Amino acid sequence: MIKSIVLRLREKQPLTSRAAWADVRGRTSHYYLPDVRAFRLNKYGMPSYSQLNASLSYPFRGWAKGLRGQLLYLYKASLGDTYGEARYVVNKVDMHQLNLIVNYDF
């Protein structure tokens, strides 16, 4: 079962006095999966989790026209029981990820 909430602001959002962000997005979801020890139902041992995605996008102007910078943040929190075993947690849940992306639009 997946429950999601999506926040999307498509108009220019002045977050500071000097920059107008082109796109601000946020999303939170909850994923309810079978127990990590139920191997027939959960092959990779992924616990239930909630996930938050947040994104800021900024189009460059002037000599850098066509470039778009994006800051993407992700957080995954464990909702299910991991039985105190690291193999059910490491690189799966209870993690933060921050990406700085440069896109070229043509």
PDB file of N, CA and C in Angstrom:
ATOM      1  N   MET A   1       0.840  -1.164   0.000  1.00  0.00           N
ATOM      2  CA  MET A   1       0.000   0.000   0.000  1.00  0.00           C
ATOM      3  C   MET A   1       0.893   1.237   0.000  1.00  0.00           C
ATOM      4  N   ILE A   2       0.579   2.192  -0.837  1.00  0.00           N
ATOM      5  CA  ILE A   2       1.356   3.424  -0.942  1.00  0.00           C
ATOM      6  C   ILE A   2       0.436   4.603  -0.685  1.00  0.00           C
ATOM      7  N   LYS A   3       0.863   5.484   0.210  1.00  0.00           N
ATOM      8  CA  LYS A   3       0.134   6.724   0.454  1.00  0.00           C
ATOM      9  C   LYS A   3       1.070   7.867   0.123  1.00  0.00           C
ATOM     10  N   SER A   4       0.606   8.832  -0.663  1.00  0.00           N
ATOM     11  CA  SER A   4       1.466   9.930  -1.103  1.00  0.00           C
ATOM     12  C   SER A   4       0.784  11.274  -0.940  1.00  0.00           C
ATOM     13  N   ILE A   5       1.602  12.265  -0.671  1.00  0.00           N
ATOM     14  CA  ILE A   5       1.171  13.656  -0.662  1.00  0.00           C
ATOM     15  C   ILE A   5       2.137  14.398  -1.569  1.00  0.00           C
ATOM     16  N   VAL A   6       1.618  15.165  -2.505  1.00  0.00           N
ATOM     17  CA  VAL A   6       2.471  15.884  -3.450  1.00  0.00           C
ATOM     18  C   VAL A   6       2.238  17.376  -3.310  1.00  0.00           C
ATOM     19  N   LEU A   7       3.332  18.137  -3.229  1.00  0.00           N
ATOM     20  CA  LEU A   7       3.290  19.595  -3.217  1.00  0.00           C
ATOM     21  C   LEU A   7       4.071  20.064  -4.425  1.00  0.00           C
ATOM     22  N   ARG A   8       3.425  20.840  -5.266  1.00  0.00           N
ATOM     23  CA  ARG A   8       4.112  21.311  -6.464  1.00  0.00           C
ATOM     24  C   ARG A   8       3.758  22.777  -6.697  1.00  0.00           C
ATOM     25  N   LEU A   9       4.753  23.615  -6.717  1.00  0.00           N
ATOM     26  CA  LEU A   9       4.579  25.033  -6.989  1.00  0.00           C
ATOM     27  C   LEU A   9       5.271  25.327  -8.309  1.00  0.00           C
ATOM     28  N   ARG A  10       4.518  25.533  -9.369  1.00  0.00           N
ATOM     29  CA  ARG A  10       5.095  25.677 -10.699  1.00  0.00           C
ATOM     30  C   ARG A  10       5.414  27.122 -11.059  1.00  0.00           C
ATOM     31  N   GLU A  11       4.822  28.081 -10.380  1.00  0.00           N
ATOM     32  CA  GLU A  11       5.107  29.472 -10.696  1.00  0.00           C
ATOM     33  C   GLU A  11       6.423  29.875 -10.061  1.00  0.00           C
ATOM     34  N   LYS A  12       6.959  30.994 -10.505  1.00  0.00           N
ATOM     35  CA  LYS A  12       8.216  31.472  -9.936  1.00  0.00           C
ATOM     36  C   LYS A  12       8.007  31.829  -8.472  1.00  0.00           C
ATOM     37  N   GLN A  13       8.852  31.283  -7.635  1.00  0.00           N
ATOM     38  CA  GLN A  13       8.748  31.482  -6.198  1.00  0.00           C
ATOM     39  C   GLN A  13       9.954  32.264  -5.703  1.00  0.00           C
ATOM     40  N   PRO A  14       9.802  33.538  -5.322  1.00  0.00           N
ATOM     41  CA  PRO A  14      10.951  34.290  -4.817  1.00  0.00           C
ATOM     42  C   PRO A  14      11.292  33.864  -3.392  1.00  0.00           C
ATOM     43  N   LEU A  15      12.281  32.979  -3.251  1.00  0.00           N
ATOM     44  CA  LEU A  15      12.704  32.517  -1.936  1.00  0.00           C
ATOM     45  C   LEU A  15      13.723  33.466  -1.320  1.00  0.00           C
ATOM     46  N   THR A  16      14.428  34.206  -2.131  1.00  0.00           N
ATOM     47  CA  THR A  16      15.347  35.232  -1.651  1.00  0.00           C
ATOM     48  C   THR A  16      15.103  36.479  -2.487  1.00  0.00           C
ATOM     49  N   SER A  17      15.680  37.581  -2.085  1.00  0.00           N
ATOM     50  CA  SER A  17      15.461  38.822  -2.827  1.00  0.00           C
ATOM     51  C   SER A  17      16.212  38.831  -4.151  1.00  0.00           C
ATOM     52  N   ARG A  18      17.206  37.971  -4.337  1.00  0.00           N
ATOM     53  CA  ARG A  18      18.039  38.004  -5.539  1.00  0.00           C
ATOM     54  C   ARG A  18      17.717  36.896  -6.534  1.00  0.00           C
ATOM     55  N   ALA A  19      17.019  35.849  -6.121  1.00  0.00           N
ATOM     56  CA  ALA A  19      16.791  34.715  -7.017  1.00  0.00           C
ATOM     57  C   ALA A  19      15.309  34.364  -7.082  1.00  0.00           C
ATOM     58  N   ALA A  20      14.845  34.025  -8.253  1.00  0.00           N
ATOM     59  CA  ALA A  20      13.485  33.525  -8.445  1.00  0.00           C
ATOM     60  C   ALA A  20      13.603  32.067  -8.895  1.00  0.00           C
ATOM     61  N   TRP A  21      13.186  31.161  -8.056  1.00  0.00           N
ATOM     62  CA  TRP A  21      13.288  29.743  -8.374  1.00  0.00           C
ATOM     63  C   TRP A  21      12.215  29.381  -9.387  1.00  0.00           C
ATOM     64  N   ALA A  22      12.584  28.608 -10.380  1.00  0.00           N
ATOM     65  CA  ALA A  22      11.651  28.234 -11.435  1.00  0.00           C
ATOM     66  C   ALA A  22      10.693  27.151 -10.973  1.00  0.00           C
ATOM     67  N   ASP A  23      11.165  26.253 -10.145  1.00  0.00           N
ATOM     68  CA  ASP A  23      10.350  25.108  -9.778  1.00  0.00           C
ATOM     69  C   ASP A  23      10.698  24.668  -8.360  1.00  0.00           C
ATOM     70  N   VAL A  24       9.697  24.582  -7.512  1.00  0.00           N
ATOM     71  CA  VAL A  24       9.864  24.086  -6.146  1.00  0.00           C
ATOM     72  C   VAL A  24       8.910  22.913  -5.997  1.00  0.00           C
ATOM     73  N   ARG A  25       9.433  21.754  -5.635  1.00  0.00           N
ATOM     74  CA  ARG A  25       8.595  20.558  -5.515  1.00  0.00           C
ATOM     75  C   ARG A  25       8.894  19.828  -4.216  1.00  0.00           C
ATOM     76  N   GLY A  26       7.882  19.185  -3.692  1.00  0.00           N
ATOM     77  CA  GLY A  26       8.043  18.357  -2.515  1.00  0.00           C
ATOM     78  C   GLY A  26       7.079  17.190  -2.574  1.00  0.00           C
ATOM     79  N   ARG A  27       7.480  16.071  -2.008  1.00  0.00           N
ATOM     80  CA  ARG A  27       6.621  14.895  -2.010  1.00  0.00           C
ATOM     81  C   ARG A  27       6.970  14.028  -0.811  1.00  0.00           C
ATOM     82  N   THR A  28       5.952  13.501  -0.193  1.00  0.00           N
ATOM     83  CA  THR A  28       6.172  12.532   0.872  1.00  0.00           C
ATOM     84  C   THR A  28       5.303  11.311   0.586  1.00  0.00           C
ATOM     85  N   SER A  29       5.847  10.132   0.846  1.00  0.00           N
ATOM     86  CA  SER A  29       5.142   8.881   0.571  1.00  0.00           C
ATOM     87  C   SER A  29       5.407   7.901   1.698  1.00  0.00           C
ATOM     88  N   HIS A  30       4.471   6.994   1.896  1.00  0.00           N
ATOM     89  CA  HIS A  30       4.621   5.915   2.872  1.00  0.00           C
ATOM     90  C   HIS A  30       4.449   4.600   2.120  1.00  0.00           C
ATOM     91  N   TYR A  31       5.400   3.697   2.286  1.00  0.00           N
ATOM     92  CA  TYR A  31       5.377   2.410   1.603  1.00  0.00           C
ATOM     93  C   TYR A  31       5.287   1.309   2.658  1.00  0.00           C
ATOM     94  N   TYR A  32       4.187   0.568   2.646  1.00  0.00           N
ATOM     95  CA  TYR A  32       3.978  -0.508   3.607  1.00  0.00           C
ATOM     96  C   TYR A  32       4.266  -1.831   2.899  1.00  0.00           C
ATOM     97  N   LEU A  33       5.368  -2.461   3.276  1.00  0.00           N
ATOM     98  CA  LEU A  33       5.844  -3.683   2.631  1.00  0.00           C
ATOM     99  C   LEU A  33       5.718  -4.865   3.587  1.00  0.00           C
ATOM    100  N   PRO A  34       5.782  -6.094   3.067  1.00  0.00           N
ATOM    101  CA  PRO A  34       5.770  -7.269   3.940  1.00  0.00           C
ATOM    102  C   PRO A  34       6.979  -7.264   4.887  1.00  0.00           C
ATOM    103  N   ASP A  35       6.893  -8.025   5.952  1.00  0.00           N
ATOM    104  CA  ASP A  35       7.976  -8.121   6.934  1.00  0.00           C
ATOM    105  C   ASP A  35       9.291  -8.508   6.248  1.00  0.00           C
ATOM    106  N   VAL A  36      10.402  -7.949   6.748  1.00  0.00           N
ATOM    107  CA  VAL A  36      11.707  -8.204   6.123  1.00  0.00           C
ATOM    108  C   VAL A  36      12.120  -9.670   6.194  1.00  0.00           C
ATOM    109  N   ARG A  37      11.577 -10.406   7.135  1.00  0.00           N
ATOM    110  CA  ARG A  37      11.934 -11.824   7.267  1.00  0.00           C
ATOM    111  C   ARG A  37      11.009 -12.749   6.473  1.00  0.00           C
ATOM    112  N   ALA A  38      10.012 -12.191   5.818  1.00  0.00           N
ATOM    113  CA  ALA A  38       9.120 -12.985   4.959  1.00  0.00           C
ATOM    114  C   ALA A  38       9.756 -13.027   3.567  1.00  0.00           C
ATOM    115  N   PHE A  39      10.735 -13.912   3.403  1.00  0.00           N
ATOM    116  CA  PHE A  39      11.553 -13.943   2.189  1.00  0.00           C
ATOM    117  C   PHE A  39      10.759 -14.198   0.909  1.00  0.00           C
ATOM    118  N   ARG A  40       9.691 -14.979   0.989  1.00  0.00           N
ATOM    119  CA  ARG A  40       8.894 -15.255  -0.209  1.00  0.00           C
ATOM    120  C   ARG A  40       8.136 -14.016  -0.675  1.00  0.00           C
ATOM    121  N   LEU A  41       7.820 -13.108   0.251  1.00  0.00           N
ATOM    122  CA  LEU A  41       7.051 -11.908  -0.090  1.00  0.00           C
ATOM    123  C   LEU A  41       7.919 -10.661  -0.236  1.00  0.00           C
ATOM    124  N   ASN A  42       9.104 -10.678   0.363  1.00  0.00           N
ATOM    125  CA  ASN A  42       9.977  -9.502   0.371  1.00  0.00           C
ATOM    126  C   ASN A  42      11.403  -9.965   0.055  1.00  0.00           C
ATOM    127  N   LYS A  43      11.653 -10.247  -1.200  1.00  0.00           N
ATOM    128  CA  LYS A  43      12.901 -10.863  -1.664  1.00  0.00           C
ATOM    129  C   LYS A  43      14.160 -10.126  -1.213  1.00  0.00           C
ATOM    130  N   TYR A  44      14.146  -8.789  -1.239  1.00  0.00           N
ATOM    131  CA  TYR A  44      15.346  -8.013  -0.933  1.00  0.00           C
ATOM    132  C   TYR A  44      15.403  -7.524   0.513  1.00  0.00           C
ATOM    133  N   GLY A  45      14.469  -7.917   1.344  1.00  0.00           N
ATOM    134  CA  GLY A  45      14.496  -7.540   2.754  1.00  0.00           C
ATOM    135  C   GLY A  45      14.354  -6.041   2.973  1.00  0.00           C
ATOM    136  N   MET A  46      13.492  -5.402   2.227  1.00  0.00           N
ATOM    137  CA  MET A  46      13.280  -3.955   2.347  1.00  0.00           C
ATOM    138  C   MET A  46      12.186  -3.699   3.377  1.00  0.00           C
ATOM    139  N   PRO A  47      12.503  -2.982   4.470  1.00  0.00           N
ATOM    140  CA  PRO A  47      11.473  -2.690   5.470  1.00  0.00           C
ATOM    141  C   PRO A  47      10.505  -1.613   4.978  1.00  0.00           C
ATOM    142  N   SER A  48       9.350  -1.530   5.600  1.00  0.00           N
ATOM    143  CA  SER A  48       8.409  -0.447   5.295  1.00  0.00           C
ATOM    144  C   SER A  48       9.087   0.872   5.604  1.00  0.00           C
ATOM    145  N   TYR A  49       8.790   1.893   4.805  1.00  0.00           N
ATOM    146  CA  TYR A  49       9.481   3.168   4.995  1.00  0.00           C
ATOM    147  C   TYR A  49       8.624   4.329   4.521  1.00  0.00           C
ATOM    148  N   SER A  50       8.998   5.510   4.993  1.00  0.00           N
ATOM    149  CA  SER A  50       8.418   6.741   4.459  1.00  0.00           C
ATOM    150  C   SER A  50       9.549   7.491   3.775  1.00  0.00           C
ATOM    151  N   GLN A  51       9.208   8.243   2.745  1.00  0.00           N
ATOM    152  CA  GLN A  51      10.223   8.928   1.955  1.00  0.00           C
ATOM    153  C   GLN A  51       9.795  10.363   1.713  1.00  0.00           C
ATOM    154  N   LEU A  52      10.759  11.277   1.847  1.00  0.00           N
ATOM    155  CA  LEU A  52      10.544  12.691   1.574  1.00  0.00           C
ATOM    156  C   LEU A  52      11.472  13.103   0.446  1.00  0.00           C
ATOM    157  N   ASN A  53      10.926  13.690  -0.609  1.00  0.00           N
ATOM    158  CA  ASN A  53      11.710  14.240  -1.718  1.00  0.00           C
ATOM    159  C   ASN A  53      11.431  15.733  -1.777  1.00  0.00           C
ATOM    160  N   ALA A  54      12.479  16.531  -1.897  1.00  0.00           N
ATOM    161  CA  ALA A  54      12.340  17.978  -2.056  1.00  0.00           C
ATOM    162  C   ALA A  54      13.293  18.423  -3.152  1.00  0.00           C
ATOM    163  N   SER A  55      12.825  19.324  -4.007  1.00  0.00           N
ATOM    164  CA  SER A  55      13.618  19.749  -5.153  1.00  0.00           C
ATOM    165  C   SER A  55      13.464  21.243  -5.390  1.00  0.00           C
ATOM    166  N   LEU A  56      14.596  21.902  -5.654  1.00  0.00           N
ATOM    167  CA  LEU A  56      14.630  23.304  -6.065  1.00  0.00           C
ATOM    168  C   LEU A  56      15.323  23.353  -7.417  1.00  0.00           C
ATOM    169  N   SER A  57      14.751  24.089  -8.350  1.00  0.00           N
ATOM    170  CA  SER A  57      15.332  24.206  -9.681  1.00  0.00           C
ATOM    171  C   SER A  57      15.504  25.680 -10.009  1.00  0.00           C
ATOM    172  N   TYR A  58      16.651  26.029 -10.601  1.00  0.00           N
ATOM    173  CA  TYR A  58      16.951  27.421 -10.931  1.00  0.00           C
ATOM    174  C   TYR A  58      17.497  27.520 -12.351  1.00  0.00           C
ATOM    175  N   PRO A  59      16.821  28.278 -13.238  1.00  0.00           N
ATOM    176  CA  PRO A  59      17.347  28.460 -14.598  1.00  0.00           C
ATOM    177  C   PRO A  59      18.354  29.605 -14.629  1.00  0.00           C
ATOM    178  N   PHE A  60      19.523  29.343 -15.187  1.00  0.00           N
ATOM    179  CA  PHE A  60      20.539  30.385 -15.299  1.00  0.00           C
ATOM    180  C   PHE A  60      20.199  31.309 -16.460  1.00  0.00           C
ATOM    181  N   ARG A  61      20.671  32.541 -16.368  1.00  0.00           N
ATOM    182  CA  ARG A  61      20.422  33.539 -17.411  1.00  0.00           C
ATOM    183  C   ARG A  61      21.749  34.043 -17.956  1.00  0.00           C
ATOM    184  N   GLY A  62      21.671  34.889 -18.975  1.00  0.00           N
ATOM    185  CA  GLY A  62      22.883  35.487 -19.529  1.00  0.00           C
ATOM    186  C   GLY A  62      23.688  34.490 -20.326  1.00  0.00           C
ATOM    187  N   TRP A  63      25.015  34.471 -20.110  1.00  0.00           N
ATOM    188  CA  TRP A  63      25.904  33.595 -20.873  1.00  0.00           C
ATOM    189  C   TRP A  63      25.636  32.120 -20.602  1.00  0.00           C
ATOM    190  N   ALA A  64      24.987  31.804 -19.484  1.00  0.00           N
ATOM    191  CA  ALA A  64      24.709  30.403 -19.138  1.00  0.00           C
ATOM    192  C   ALA A  64      23.266  30.008 -19.464  1.00  0.00           C
ATOM    193  N   LYS A  65      22.611  30.763 -20.353  1.00  0.00           N
ATOM    194  CA  LYS A  65      21.226  30.462 -20.711  1.00  0.00           C
ATOM    195  C   LYS A  65      21.135  29.040 -21.267  1.00  0.00           C
ATOM    196  N   GLY A  66      20.166  28.296 -20.811  1.00  0.00           N
ATOM    197  CA  GLY A  66      20.019  26.896 -21.211  1.00  0.00           C
ATOM    198  C   GLY A  66      20.452  25.947 -20.109  1.00  0.00           C
ATOM    199  N   LEU A  67      21.263  26.428 -19.172  1.00  0.00           N
ATOM    200  CA  LEU A  67      21.655  25.606 -18.026  1.00  0.00           C
ATOM    201  C   LEU A  67      20.619  25.773 -16.921  1.00  0.00           C
ATOM    202  N   ARG A  68      20.345  24.677 -16.230  1.00  0.00           N
ATOM    203  CA  ARG A  68      19.404  24.707 -15.119  1.00  0.00           C
ATOM    204  C   ARG A  68      20.005  23.928 -13.958  1.00  0.00           C
ATOM    205  N   GLY A  69      20.180  24.595 -12.844  1.00  0.00           N
ATOM    206  CA  GLY A  69      20.693  23.938 -11.653  1.00  0.00           C
ATOM    207  C   GLY A  69      19.547  23.360 -10.839  1.00  0.00           C
ATOM    208  N   GLN A  70      19.794  22.235 -10.203  1.00  0.00           N
ATOM    209  CA  GLN A  70      18.763  21.598  -9.394  1.00  0.00           C
ATOM    210  C   GLN A  70      19.394  21.052  -8.123  1.00  0.00           C
ATOM    211  N   LEU A  71      18.751  21.303  -7.008  1.00  0.00           N
ATOM    212  CA  LEU A  71      19.160  20.755  -5.726  1.00  0.00           C
ATOM    213  C   LEU A  71      18.082  19.767  -5.313  1.00  0.00           C
ATOM    214  N   LEU A  72      18.455  18.503  -5.129  1.00  0.00           N
ATOM    215  CA  LEU A  72      17.509  17.438  -4.823  1.00  0.00           C
ATOM    216  C   LEU A  72      17.878  16.822  -3.480  1.00  0.00           C
ATOM    217  N   TYR A  73      16.915  16.771  -2.557  1.00  0.00           N
ATOM    218  CA  TYR A  73      17.124  16.193  -1.225  1.00  0.00           C
ATOM    219  C   TYR A  73      16.158  15.030  -1.043  1.00  0.00           C
ATOM    220  N   LEU A  74      16.669  13.926  -0.485  1.00  0.00           N
ATOM    221  CA  LEU A  74      15.870  12.742  -0.241  1.00  0.00           C
ATOM    222  C   LEU A  74      16.118  12.256   1.180  1.00  0.00           C
ATOM    223  N   TYR A  75      15.051  11.866   1.879  1.00  0.00           N
ATOM    224  CA  TYR A  75      15.186  11.256   3.201  1.00  0.00           C
ATOM    225  C   TYR A  75      14.274  10.041   3.262  1.00  0.00           C
ATOM    226  N   LYS A  76      14.805   8.913   3.729  1.00  0.00           N
ATOM    227  CA  LYS A  76      14.023   7.693   3.910  1.00  0.00           C
ATOM    228  C   LYS A  76      14.069   7.304   5.380  1.00  0.00           C
ATOM    229  N   ALA A  77      12.899   7.164   5.981  1.00  0.00           N
ATOM    230  CA  ALA A  77      12.793   6.777   7.392  1.00  0.00           C
ATOM    231  C   ALA A  77      12.152   5.394   7.483  1.00  0.00           C
ATOM    232  N   SER A  78      12.657   4.577   8.372  1.00  0.00           N
ATOM    233  CA  SER A  78      12.137   3.230   8.550  1.00  0.00           C
ATOM    234  C   SER A  78      10.803   3.266   9.288  1.00  0.00           C
ATOM    235  N   LEU A  79       9.827   2.525   8.776  1.00  0.00           N
ATOM    236  CA  LEU A  79       8.539   2.371   9.448  1.00  0.00           C
ATOM    237  C   LEU A  79       8.381   0.959   9.997  1.00  0.00           C
ATOM    238  N   GLY A  80       9.044   0.006   9.370  1.00  0.00           N
ATOM    239  CA  GLY A  80       8.904  -1.388   9.757  1.00  0.00           C
ATOM    240  C   GLY A  80       9.991  -1.838  10.714  1.00  0.00           C
ATOM    241  N   ASP A  81       9.817  -3.030  11.263  1.00  0.00           N
ATOM    242  CA  ASP A  81      10.788  -3.603  12.195  1.00  0.00           C
ATOM    243  C   ASP A  81      11.990  -4.139  11.420  1.00  0.00           C
ATOM    244  N   THR A  82      13.200  -3.769  11.859  1.00  0.00           N
ATOM    245  CA  THR A  82      14.427  -4.250  11.212  1.00  0.00           C
ATOM    246  C   THR A  82      15.163  -5.255  12.094  1.00  0.00           C
ATOM    247  N   TYR A  83      14.593  -5.605  13.224  1.00  0.00           N
ATOM    248  CA  TYR A  83      15.140  -6.612  14.136  1.00  0.00           C
ATOM    249  C   TYR A  83      16.567  -6.318  14.568  1.00  0.00           C
ATOM    250  N   GLY A  84      16.962  -5.060  14.540  1.00  0.00           N
ATOM    251  CA  GLY A  84      18.296  -4.661  14.982  1.00  0.00           C
ATOM    252  C   GLY A  84      19.423  -5.132  14.074  1.00  0.00           C
ATOM    253  N   GLU A  85      19.103  -5.553  12.868  1.00  0.00           N
ATOM    254  CA  GLU A  85      20.119  -6.049  11.939  1.00  0.00           C
ATOM    255  C   GLU A  85      20.455  -4.984  10.902  1.00  0.00           C
ATOM    256  N   ALA A  86      21.750  -4.710  10.748  1.00  0.00           N
ATOM    257  CA  ALA A  86      22.213  -3.663   9.831  1.00  0.00           C
ATOM    258  C   ALA A  86      21.883  -3.981   8.377  1.00  0.00           C
ATOM    259  N   ARG A  87      21.795  -5.252   8.018  1.00  0.00           N
ATOM    260  CA  ARG A  87      21.534  -5.599   6.612  1.00  0.00           C
ATOM    261  C   ARG A  87      20.156  -5.144   6.138  1.00  0.00           C
ATOM    262  N   TYR A  88      19.251  -4.887   7.076  1.00  0.00           N
ATOM    263  CA  TYR A  88      17.931  -4.378   6.707  1.00  0.00           C
ATOM    264  C   TYR A  88      17.868  -2.852   6.729  1.00  0.00           C
ATOM    265  N   VAL A  89      18.957  -2.192   7.149  1.00  0.00           N
ATOM    266  CA  VAL A  89      18.962  -0.734   7.296  1.00  0.00           C
ATOM    267  C   VAL A  89      19.942  -0.061   6.336  1.00  0.00           C
ATOM    268  N   VAL A  90      21.169  -0.552   6.268  1.00  0.00           N
ATOM    269  CA  VAL A  90      22.235   0.102   5.502  1.00  0.00           C
ATOM    270  C   VAL A  90      21.859   0.223   4.020  1.00  0.00           C
ATOM    271  N   ASN A  91      21.931   1.432   3.499  1.00  0.00           N
ATOM    272  CA  ASN A  91      21.597   1.771   2.108  1.00  0.00           C
ATOM    273  C   ASN A  91      20.155   1.464   1.727  1.00  0.00           C
ATOM    274  N   LYS A  92      19.284   1.305   2.720  1.00  0.00           N
ATOM    275  CA  LYS A  92      17.869   1.048   2.446  1.00  0.00           C
ATOM    276  C   LYS A  92      16.976   2.081   3.121  1.00  0.00           C
ATOM    277  N   VAL A  93      17.161   2.294   4.420  1.00  0.00           N
ATOM    278  CA  VAL A  93      16.334   3.248   5.169  1.00  0.00           C
ATOM    279  C   VAL A  93      17.206   4.033   6.143  1.00  0.00           C
ATOM    280  N   ASP A  94      16.602   5.001   6.828  1.00  0.00           N
ATOM    281  CA  ASP A  94      17.298   5.887   7.767  1.00  0.00           C
ATOM    282  C   ASP A  94      18.492   6.544   7.078  1.00  0.00           C
ATOM    283  N   MET A  95      18.245   7.126   5.912  1.00  0.00           N
ATOM    284  CA  MET A  95      19.325   7.731   5.131  1.00  0.00           C
ATOM    285  C   MET A  95      18.905   9.080   4.557  1.00  0.00           C
ATOM    286  N   HIS A  96      19.893   9.931   4.368  1.00  0.00           N
ATOM    287  CA  HIS A  96      19.731  11.226   3.717  1.00  0.00           C
ATOM    288  C   HIS A  96      20.562  11.200   2.441  1.00  0.00           C
ATOM    289  N   GLN A  97      20.083  11.873   1.406  1.00  0.00           N
ATOM    290  CA  GLN A  97      20.855  11.987   0.170  1.00  0.00           C
ATOM    291  C   GLN A  97      20.638  13.384  -0.386  1.00  0.00           C
ATOM    292  N   LEU A  98      21.726  14.041  -0.774  1.00  0.00           N
ATOM    293  CA  LEU A  98      21.667  15.383  -1.334  1.00  0.00           C
ATOM    294  C   LEU A  98      22.393  15.379  -2.671  1.00  0.00           C
ATOM    295  N   ASN A  99      21.715  15.807  -3.726  1.00  0.00           N
ATOM    296  CA  ASN A  99      22.294  15.837  -5.072  1.00  0.00           C
ATOM    297  C   ASN A  99      22.283  17.258  -5.602  1.00  0.00           C
ATOM    298  N   LEU A 100      23.373  17.668  -6.209  1.00  0.00           N
ATOM    299  CA  LEU A 100      23.453  18.926  -6.933  1.00  0.00           C
ATOM    300  C   LEU A 100      23.575  18.556  -8.406  1.00  0.00           C
ATOM    301  N   ILE A 101      22.601  18.969  -9.205  1.00  0.00           N
ATOM    302  CA  ILE A 101      22.497  18.538 -10.592  1.00  0.00           C
ATOM    303  C   ILE A 101      22.539  19.761 -11.497  1.00  0.00           C
ATOM    304  N   VAL A 102      23.244  19.656 -12.621  1.00  0.00           N
ATOM    305  CA  VAL A 102      23.238  20.705 -13.639  1.00  0.00           C
ATOM    306  C   VAL A 102      22.695  20.085 -14.924  1.00  0.00           C
ATOM    307  N   ASN A 103      21.581  20.613 -15.411  1.00  0.00           N
ATOM    308  CA  ASN A 103      20.944  20.140 -16.642  1.00  0.00           C
ATOM    309  C   ASN A 103      21.139  21.166 -17.744  1.00  0.00           C
ATOM    310  N   TYR A 104      21.238  20.693 -18.962  1.00  0.00           N
ATOM    311  CA  TYR A 104      21.297  21.592 -20.109  1.00  0.00           C
ATOM    312  C   TYR A 104      20.028  21.392 -20.922  1.00  0.00           C
ATOM    313  N   ASP A 105      19.238  22.443 -21.071  1.00  0.00           N
ATOM    314  CA  ASP A 105      17.997  22.396 -21.843  1.00  0.00           C
ATOM    315  C   ASP A 105      18.240  23.003 -23.216  1.00  0.00           C
ATOM    316  N   PHE A 106      17.921  22.263 -24.259  1.00  0.00           N
ATOM    317  CA  PHE A 106      18.093  22.790 -25.610  1.00  0.00           C
ATOM    318  C   PHE A 106      16.852  22.537 -26.430  1.00  0.00           C
TER     319      PHE A 106
END
